PDB file of N, CA and C in Angstrom:
ATOM      1  N   MET A   1     139.514  89.260  32.544  1.00  0.00           N
ATOM      2  CA  MET A   1     140.648  88.908  33.395  1.00  0.00           C
ATOM      3  C   MET A   1     141.424  90.160  33.760  1.00  0.00           C
ATOM      4  N   PRO A   2     142.007  90.161  34.936  1.00  0.00           N
ATOM      5  CA  PRO A   2     142.787  91.315  35.376  1.00  0.00           C
ATOM      6  C   PRO A   2     144.067  91.465  34.547  1.00  0.00           C
ATOM      7  N   ASN A   3     144.482  92.696  34.398  1.00  0.00           N
ATOM      8  CA  ASN A   3     145.680  92.983  33.624  1.00  0.00           C
ATOM      9  C   ASN A   3     146.905  93.174  34.505  1.00  0.00           C
ATOM     10  N   LYS A   4     146.702  93.484  35.758  1.00  0.00           N
ATOM     11  CA  LYS A   4     147.825  93.752  36.659  1.00  0.00           C
ATOM     12  C   LYS A   4     147.932  92.668  37.723  1.00  0.00           C
ATOM     13  N   LYS A   5     149.146  92.521  38.237  1.00  0.00           N
ATOM     14  CA  LYS A   5     149.377  91.486  39.260  1.00  0.00           C
ATOM     15  C   LYS A   5     148.561  91.745  40.511  1.00  0.00           C
ATOM     16  N   SER A   6     148.470  92.992  40.914  1.00  0.00           N
ATOM     17  CA  SER A   6     147.727  93.317  42.129  1.00  0.00           C
ATOM     18  C   SER A   6     146.240  93.000  41.949  1.00  0.00           C
ATOM     19  N   ALA A   7     145.736  93.200  40.745  1.00  0.00           N
ATOM     20  CA  ALA A   7     144.335  92.886  40.471  1.00  0.00           C
ATOM     21  C   ALA A   7     144.105  91.375  40.495  1.00  0.00           C
ATOM     22  N   GLU A   8     145.086  90.613  40.006  1.00  0.00           N
ATOM     23  CA  GLU A   8     144.980  89.153  40.058  1.00  0.00           C
ATOM     24  C   GLU A   8     144.944  88.669  41.503  1.00  0.00           C
ATOM     25  N   LYS A   9     145.817  89.241  42.326  1.00  0.00           N
ATOM     26  CA  LYS A   9     145.862  88.851  43.733  1.00  0.00           C
ATOM     27  C   LYS A   9     144.549  89.206  44.430  1.00  0.00           C
ATOM     28  N   ARG A  10     144.044  90.386  44.131  1.00  0.00           N
ATOM     29  CA  ARG A  10     142.793  90.812  44.745  1.00  0.00           C
ATOM     30  C   ARG A  10     141.655  89.874  44.340  1.00  0.00           C
ATOM     31  N   LEU A  11     141.673  89.418  43.106  1.00  0.00           N
ATOM     32  CA  LEU A  11     140.668  88.478  42.630  1.00  0.00           C
ATOM     33  C   LEU A  11     140.727  87.163  43.413  1.00  0.00           C
ATOM     34  N   ARG A  12     141.958  86.672  43.638  1.00  0.00           N
ATOM     35  CA  ARG A  12     142.122  85.444  44.429  1.00  0.00           C
ATOM     36  C   ARG A  12     141.640  85.653  45.859  1.00  0.00           C
ATOM     37  N   GLN A  13     142.001  86.776  46.447  1.00  0.00           N
ATOM     38  CA  GLN A  13     141.616  87.047  47.832  1.00  0.00           C
ATOM     39  C   GLN A  13     140.098  87.176  47.977  1.00  0.00           C
ATOM     40  N   SER A  14     139.488  87.878  47.049  1.00  0.00           N
ATOM     41  CA  SER A  14     138.049  88.083  47.147  1.00  0.00           C
ATOM     42  C   SER A  14     137.282  86.774  46.954  1.00  0.00           C
ATOM     43  N   GLU A  15     137.794  85.896  46.112  1.00  0.00           N
ATOM     44  CA  GLU A  15     137.151  84.591  45.912  1.00  0.00           C
ATOM     45  C   GLU A  15     137.238  83.749  47.181  1.00  0.00           C
ATOM     46  N   LYS A  16     138.404  83.778  47.824  1.00  0.00           N
ATOM     47  CA  LYS A  16     138.583  83.033  49.066  1.00  0.00           C
ATOM     48  C   LYS A  16     137.650  83.575  50.152  1.00  0.00           C
ATOM     49  N   ALA A  17     137.564  84.899  50.239  1.00  0.00           N
ATOM     50  CA  ALA A  17     136.689  85.525  51.237  1.00  0.00           C
ATOM     51  C   ALA A  17     135.230  85.197  50.964  1.00  0.00           C
ATOM     52  N   ARG A  18     134.855  85.165  49.693  1.00  0.00           N
ATOM     53  CA  ARG A  18     133.476  84.861  49.327  1.00  0.00           C
ATOM     54  C   ARG A  18     133.094  83.458  49.789  1.00  0.00           C
ATOM     55  N   LEU A  19     134.002  82.514  49.613  1.00  0.00           N
ATOM     56  CA  LEU A  19     133.720  81.138  50.030  1.00  0.00           C
ATOM     57  C   LEU A  19     133.614  81.020  51.549  1.00  0.00           C
ATOM     58  N   VAL A  20     134.481  81.724  52.270  1.00  0.00           N
ATOM     59  CA  VAL A  20     134.423  81.714  53.736  1.00  0.00           C
ATOM     60  C   VAL A  20     133.113  82.326  54.203  1.00  0.00           C
ATOM     61  N   ASN A  21     132.765  83.477  53.628  1.00  0.00           N
ATOM     62  CA  ASN A  21     131.526  84.158  54.011  1.00  0.00           C
ATOM     63  C   ASN A  21     130.309  83.281  53.740  1.00  0.00           C
ATOM     64  N   ARG A  22     130.327  82.600  52.633  1.00  0.00           N
ATOM     65  CA  ARG A  22     129.209  81.723  52.269  1.00  0.00           C
ATOM     66  C   ARG A  22     129.055  80.578  53.260  1.00  0.00           C
ATOM     67  N   ALA A  23     130.180  79.989  53.655  1.00  0.00           N
ATOM     68  CA  ALA A  23     130.141  78.883  54.614  1.00  0.00           C
ATOM     69  C   ALA A  23     129.647  79.351  55.980  1.00  0.00           C
ATOM     70  N   VAL A  24     130.144  80.493  56.426  1.00  0.00           N
ATOM     71  CA  VAL A  24     129.749  81.024  57.736  1.00  0.00           C
ATOM     72  C   VAL A  24     128.261  81.366  57.734  1.00  0.00           C
ATOM     73  N   ARG A  25     127.807  82.028  56.675  1.00  0.00           N
ATOM     74  CA  ARG A  25     126.402  82.404  56.573  1.00  0.00           C
ATOM     75  C   ARG A  25     125.509  81.168  56.569  1.00  0.00           C
ATOM     76  N   SER A  26     125.943  80.122  55.886  1.00  0.00           N
ATOM     77  CA  SER A  26     125.176  78.886  55.835  1.00  0.00           C
ATOM     78  C   SER A  26     125.070  78.247  57.213  1.00  0.00           C
ATOM     79  N   GLU A  27     126.177  78.212  57.940  1.00  0.00           N
ATOM     80  CA  GLU A  27     126.161  77.636  59.295  1.00  0.00           C
ATOM     81  C   GLU A  27     125.210  78.412  60.211  1.00  0.00           C
ATOM     82  N   ILE A  28     125.251  79.727  60.124  1.00  0.00           N
ATOM     83  CA  ILE A  28     124.389  80.561  60.968  1.00  0.00           C
ATOM     84  C   ILE A  28     122.922  80.309  60.617  1.00  0.00           C
ATOM     85  N   ARG A  29     122.626  80.260  59.335  1.00  0.00           N
ATOM     86  CA  ARG A  29     121.236  80.036  58.916  1.00  0.00           C
ATOM     87  C   ARG A  29     120.730  78.665  59.342  1.00  0.00           C
ATOM     88  N   THR A  30     121.575  77.652  59.239  1.00  0.00           N
ATOM     89  CA  THR A  30     121.183  76.309  59.650  1.00  0.00           C
ATOM     90  C   THR A  30     120.883  76.277  61.139  1.00  0.00           C
ATOM     91  N   SER A  31     121.746  76.908  61.919  1.00  0.00           N
ATOM     92  CA  SER A  31     121.547  76.944  63.364  1.00  0.00           C
ATOM     93  C   SER A  31     120.265  77.707  63.721  1.00  0.00           C
ATOM     94  N   LEU A  32     120.011  78.801  63.016  1.00  0.00           N
ATOM     95  CA  LEU A  32     118.787  79.570  63.245  1.00  0.00           C
ATOM     96  C   LEU A  32     117.549  78.728  62.945  1.00  0.00           C
ATOM     97  N   LYS A  33     117.604  77.953  61.880  1.00  0.00           N
ATOM     98  CA  LYS A  33     116.476  77.095  61.531  1.00  0.00           C
ATOM     99  C   LYS A  33     116.212  76.063  62.618  1.00  0.00           C
ATOM    100  N   LYS A  34     117.284  75.554  63.220  1.00  0.00           N
ATOM    101  CA  LYS A  34     117.119  74.576  64.299  1.00  0.00           C
ATOM    102  C   LYS A  34     116.444  75.219  65.502  1.00  0.00           C
ATOM    103  N   VAL A  35     116.836  76.455  65.815  1.00  0.00           N
ATOM    104  CA  VAL A  35     116.231  77.156  66.956  1.00  0.00           C
ATOM    105  C   VAL A  35     114.773  77.465  66.657  1.00  0.00           C
ATOM    106  N   ARG A  36     114.512  78.000  65.466  1.00  0.00           N
ATOM    107  CA  ARG A  36     113.143  78.389  65.120  1.00  0.00           C
ATOM    108  C   ARG A  36     112.229  77.184  64.920  1.00  0.00           C
ATOM    109  N   GLY A  37     112.791  76.061  64.510  1.00  0.00           N
ATOM    110  CA  GLY A  37     111.984  74.879  64.259  1.00  0.00           C
ATOM    111  C   GLY A  37     111.836  73.962  65.458  1.00  0.00           C
ATOM    112  N   ALA A  38     112.425  74.340  66.576  1.00  0.00           N
ATOM    113  CA  ALA A  38     112.363  73.500  67.771  1.00  0.00           C
ATOM    114  C   ALA A  38     110.935  73.410  68.281  1.00  0.00           C
ATOM    115  N   GLN A  39     110.561  72.223  68.735  1.00  0.00           N
ATOM    116  CA  GLN A  39     109.216  72.004  69.264  1.00  0.00           C
ATOM    117  C   GLN A  39     109.118  72.348  70.739  1.00  0.00           C
ATOM    118  N   THR A  40     110.225  72.156  71.464  1.00  0.00           N
ATOM    119  CA  THR A  40     110.221  72.461  72.892  1.00  0.00           C
ATOM    120  C   THR A  40     111.347  73.437  73.212  1.00  0.00           C
ATOM    121  N   ARG A  41     111.246  74.028  74.362  1.00  0.00           N
ATOM    122  CA  ARG A  41     112.259  74.984  74.796  1.00  0.00           C
ATOM    123  C   ARG A  41     113.615  74.315  74.997  1.00  0.00           C
ATOM    124  N   GLU A  42     113.596  73.068  75.463  1.00  0.00           N
ATOM    125  CA  GLU A  42     114.851  72.346  75.696  1.00  0.00           C
ATOM    126  C   GLU A  42     115.627  72.130  74.400  1.00  0.00           C
ATOM    127  N   GLU A  43     114.916  71.796  73.337  1.00  0.00           N
ATOM    128  CA  GLU A  43     115.569  71.610  72.036  1.00  0.00           C
ATOM    129  C   GLU A  43     116.240  72.901  71.581  1.00  0.00           C
ATOM    130  N   ALA A  44     115.531  73.995  71.722  1.00  0.00           N
ATOM    131  CA  ALA A  44     116.065  75.291  71.304  1.00  0.00           C
ATOM    132  C   ALA A  44     117.254  75.692  72.171  1.00  0.00           C
ATOM    133  N   LEU A  45     117.156  75.431  73.471  1.00  0.00           N
ATOM    134  CA  LEU A  45     118.238  75.819  74.382  1.00  0.00           C
ATOM    135  C   LEU A  45     119.509  75.012  74.136  1.00  0.00           C
ATOM    136  N   LYS A  46     119.378  73.824  73.546  1.00  0.00           N
ATOM    137  CA  LYS A  46     120.567  73.038  73.196  1.00  0.00           C
ATOM    138  C   LYS A  46     121.323  73.688  72.034  1.00  0.00           C
ATOM    139  N   GLU A  47     120.594  74.299  71.114  1.00  0.00           N
ATOM    140  CA  GLU A  47     121.208  74.885  69.917  1.00  0.00           C
ATOM    141  C   GLU A  47     121.655  76.337  70.134  1.00  0.00           C
ATOM    142  N   ILE A  48     121.081  77.024  71.127  1.00  0.00           N
ATOM    143  CA  ILE A  48     121.394  78.441  71.371  1.00  0.00           C
ATOM    144  C   ILE A  48     122.892  78.696  71.562  1.00  0.00           C
ATOM    145  N   PRO A  49     123.615  77.927  72.384  1.00  0.00           N
ATOM    146  CA  PRO A  49     125.055  78.209  72.546  1.00  0.00           C
ATOM    147  C   PRO A  49     125.829  78.116  71.234  1.00  0.00           C
ATOM    148  N   ASN A  50     125.479  77.146  70.390  1.00  0.00           N
ATOM    149  CA  ASN A  50     126.141  77.005  69.092  1.00  0.00           C
ATOM    150  C   ASN A  50     125.859  78.228  68.216  1.00  0.00           C
ATOM    151  N   LEU A  51     124.603  78.656  68.178  1.00  0.00           N
ATOM    152  CA  LEU A  51     124.228  79.822  67.380  1.00  0.00           C
ATOM    153  C   LEU A  51     124.965  81.067  67.856  1.00  0.00           C
ATOM    154  N   PHE A  52     124.984  81.275  69.170  1.00  0.00           N
ATOM    155  CA  PHE A  52     125.640  82.464  69.714  1.00  0.00           C
ATOM    156  C   PHE A  52     127.137  82.445  69.444  1.00  0.00           C
ATOM    157  N   SER A  53     127.729  81.269  69.518  1.00  0.00           N
ATOM    158  CA  SER A  53     129.150  81.134  69.235  1.00  0.00           C
ATOM    159  C   SER A  53     129.447  81.499  67.779  1.00  0.00           C
ATOM    160  N   LEU A  54     128.637  80.974  66.864  1.00  0.00           N
ATOM    161  CA  LEU A  54     128.815  81.284  65.447  1.00  0.00           C
ATOM    162  C   LEU A  54     128.670  82.773  65.179  1.00  0.00           C
ATOM    163  N   LEU A  55     127.651  83.381  65.799  1.00  0.00           N
ATOM    164  CA  LEU A  55     127.418  84.812  65.598  1.00  0.00           C
ATOM    165  C   LEU A  55     128.568  85.651  66.150  1.00  0.00           C
ATOM    166  N   ASP A  56     129.047  85.291  67.334  1.00  0.00           N
ATOM    167  CA  ASP A  56     130.149  86.049  67.943  1.00  0.00           C
ATOM    168  C   ASP A  56     131.425  85.945  67.121  1.00  0.00           C
ATOM    169  N   LYS A  57     131.717  84.742  66.634  1.00  0.00           N
ATOM    170  CA  LYS A  57     132.919  84.560  65.815  1.00  0.00           C
ATOM    171  C   LYS A  57     132.814  85.342  64.511  1.00  0.00           C
ATOM    172  N   ALA A  58     131.641  85.293  63.880  1.00  0.00           N
ATOM    173  CA  ALA A  58     131.455  86.012  62.621  1.00  0.00           C
ATOM    174  C   ALA A  58     131.569  87.523  62.832  1.00  0.00           C
ATOM    175  N   ALA A  59     131.010  88.013  63.937  1.00  0.00           N
ATOM    176  CA  ALA A  59     131.073  89.446  64.221  1.00  0.00           C
ATOM    177  C   ALA A  59     132.499  89.878  64.534  1.00  0.00           C
ATOM    178  N   GLN A  60     133.212  89.038  65.251  1.00  0.00           N
ATOM    179  CA  GLN A  60     134.588  89.374  65.625  1.00  0.00           C
ATOM    180  C   GLN A  60     135.489  89.473  64.397  1.00  0.00           C
ATOM    181  N   LYS A  61     135.262  88.576  63.431  1.00  0.00           N
ATOM    182  CA  LYS A  61     136.107  88.534  62.235  1.00  0.00           C
ATOM    183  C   LYS A  61     135.475  89.263  61.055  1.00  0.00           C
ATOM    184  N   SER A  62     134.290  89.840  61.257  1.00  0.00           N
ATOM    185  CA  SER A  62     133.543  90.519  60.185  1.00  0.00           C
ATOM    186  C   SER A  62     133.303  89.605  58.990  1.00  0.00           C
ATOM    187  N   HIS A  63     132.954  88.369  59.256  1.00  0.00           N
ATOM    188  CA  HIS A  63     132.615  87.423  58.192  1.00  0.00           C
ATOM    189  C   HIS A  63     131.124  87.485  57.911  1.00  0.00           C
ATOM    190  N   ALA A  64     130.777  87.176  56.680  1.00  0.00           N
ATOM    191  CA  ALA A  64     129.379  87.021  56.260  1.00  0.00           C
ATOM    192  C   ALA A  64     128.555  88.272  56.522  1.00  0.00           C
ATOM    193  N   ASN A  65     129.197  89.426  56.502  1.00  0.00           N
ATOM    194  CA  ASN A  65     128.522  90.715  56.699  1.00  0.00           C
ATOM    195  C   ASN A  65     127.792  90.768  58.042  1.00  0.00           C
ATOM    196  N   VAL A  66     128.347  90.115  59.051  1.00  0.00           N
ATOM    197  CA  VAL A  66     127.772  90.130  60.391  1.00  0.00           C
ATOM    198  C   VAL A  66     128.630  91.039  61.263  1.00  0.00           C
ATOM    199  N   LYS A  67     128.047  92.153  61.655  1.00  0.00           N
ATOM    200  CA  LYS A  67     128.725  93.072  62.568  1.00  0.00           C
ATOM    201  C   LYS A  67     128.179  92.815  63.971  1.00  0.00           C
ATOM    202  N   SER A  68     128.714  93.503  64.951  1.00  0.00           N
ATOM    203  CA  SER A  68     128.309  93.225  66.332  1.00  0.00           C
ATOM    204  C   SER A  68     126.829  93.524  66.563  1.00  0.00           C
ATOM    205  N   ASN A  69     126.320  94.590  65.969  1.00  0.00           N
ATOM    206  CA  ASN A  69     124.901  94.903  66.145  1.00  0.00           C
ATOM    207  C   ASN A  69     124.008  93.873  65.459  1.00  0.00           C
ATOM    208  N   THR A  70     124.428  93.390  64.318  1.00  0.00           N
ATOM    209  CA  THR A  70     123.672  92.352  63.612  1.00  0.00           C
ATOM    210  C   THR A  70     123.607  91.089  64.461  1.00  0.00           C
ATOM    211  N   ALA A  71     124.752  90.727  65.046  1.00  0.00           N
ATOM    212  CA  ALA A  71     124.794  89.542  65.908  1.00  0.00           C
ATOM    213  C   ALA A  71     123.866  89.737  67.108  1.00  0.00           C
ATOM    214  N   SER A  72     123.878  90.925  67.688  1.00  0.00           N
ATOM    215  CA  SER A  72     123.012  91.204  68.833  1.00  0.00           C
ATOM    216  C   SER A  72     121.542  91.082  68.456  1.00  0.00           C
ATOM    217  N   ASN A  73     121.193  91.564  67.274  1.00  0.00           N
ATOM    218  CA  ASN A  73     119.803  91.477  66.829  1.00  0.00           C
ATOM    219  C   ASN A  73     119.377  90.023  66.642  1.00  0.00           C
ATOM    220  N   TYR A  74     120.239  89.212  66.040  1.00  0.00           N
ATOM    221  CA  TYR A  74     119.929  87.793  65.884  1.00  0.00           C
ATOM    222  C   TYR A  74     119.761  87.119  67.241  1.00  0.00           C
ATOM    223  N   LYS A  75     120.626  87.445  68.193  1.00  0.00           N
ATOM    224  CA  LYS A  75     120.538  86.848  69.526  1.00  0.00           C
ATOM    225  C   LYS A  75     119.210  87.213  70.192  1.00  0.00           C
ATOM    226  N   ARG A  76     118.834  88.482  70.071  1.00  0.00           N
ATOM    227  CA  ARG A  76     117.596  88.949  70.684  1.00  0.00           C
ATOM    228  C   ARG A  76     116.410  88.201  70.082  1.00  0.00           C
ATOM    229  N   LYS A  77     116.399  88.069  68.765  1.00  0.00           N
ATOM    230  CA  LYS A  77     115.296  87.376  68.106  1.00  0.00           C
ATOM    231  C   LYS A  77     115.254  85.901  68.494  1.00  0.00           C
ATOM    232  N   ALA A  78     116.417  85.292  68.659  1.00  0.00           N
ATOM    233  CA  ALA A  78     116.463  83.891  69.075  1.00  0.00           C
ATOM    234  C   ALA A  78     115.890  83.740  70.483  1.00  0.00           C
ATOM    235  N   HIS A  79     116.233  84.681  71.366  1.00  0.00           N
ATOM    236  CA  HIS A  79     115.696  84.627  72.728  1.00  0.00           C
ATOM    237  C   HIS A  79     114.180  84.788  72.726  1.00  0.00           C
ATOM    238  N   LEU A  80     113.665  85.647  71.859  1.00  0.00           N
ATOM    239  CA  LEU A  80     112.213  85.822  71.779  1.00  0.00           C
ATOM    240  C   LEU A  80     111.529  84.536  71.319  1.00  0.00           C
ATOM    241  N   VAL A  81     112.144  83.847  70.363  1.00  0.00           N
ATOM    242  CA  VAL A  81     111.582  82.582  69.884  1.00  0.00           C
ATOM    243  C   VAL A  81     111.553  81.559  71.012  1.00  0.00           C
ATOM    244  N   VAL A  82     112.645  81.491  71.763  1.00  0.00           N
ATOM    245  CA  VAL A  82     112.734  80.521  72.865  1.00  0.00           C
ATOM    246  C   VAL A  82     111.714  80.843  73.951  1.00  0.00           C
ATOM    247  N   ALA A  83     111.510  82.129  74.217  1.00  0.00           N
ATOM    248  CA  ALA A  83     110.578  82.534  75.268  1.00  0.00           C
ATOM    249  C   ALA A  83     109.148  82.135  74.920  1.00  0.00           C
ATOM    250  N   LYS A  84     108.819  82.088  73.641  1.00  0.00           N
ATOM    251  CA  LYS A  84     107.454  81.757  73.238  1.00  0.00           C
ATOM    252  C   LYS A  84     107.188  80.252  73.189  1.00  0.00           C
ATOM    253  N   LEU A  85     108.255  79.452  73.248  1.00  0.00           N
ATOM    254  CA  LEU A  85     108.082  77.995  73.168  1.00  0.00           C
ATOM    255  C   LEU A  85     107.531  77.433  74.478  1.00  0.00           C
ATOM    256  N   PRO A  86     106.769  76.353  74.375  1.00  0.00           N
ATOM    257  CA  PRO A  86     106.302  75.699  75.601  1.00  0.00           C
ATOM    258  C   PRO A  86     107.450  74.954  76.295  1.00  0.00           C
ATOM    259  N   ALA A  87     107.400  74.915  77.599  1.00  0.00           N
ATOM    260  CA  ALA A  87     108.466  74.286  78.380  1.00  0.00           C
ATOM    261  C   ALA A  87     108.499  72.816  78.286  1.00  0.00           C
TER     262      ALA A  87
END
């Protein structure tokens, strides 16, 4: 346990951040699975806006260790998956 008040506060803050990061990361992964598991291009294109929104929000707030370049890489990979799907 922390001995100082500032250390106690930091412990509370880091725990809260960990839970937020975990939730955001889970949402992004779930959305990615929907895009990658889509059978048709239309199914994937329905989920793409949600995925991009999640990635942009996470990058903007630096949640879940997603920076702007990481978000861009995920977007690019999602587009490649959609391009390979049958219409």
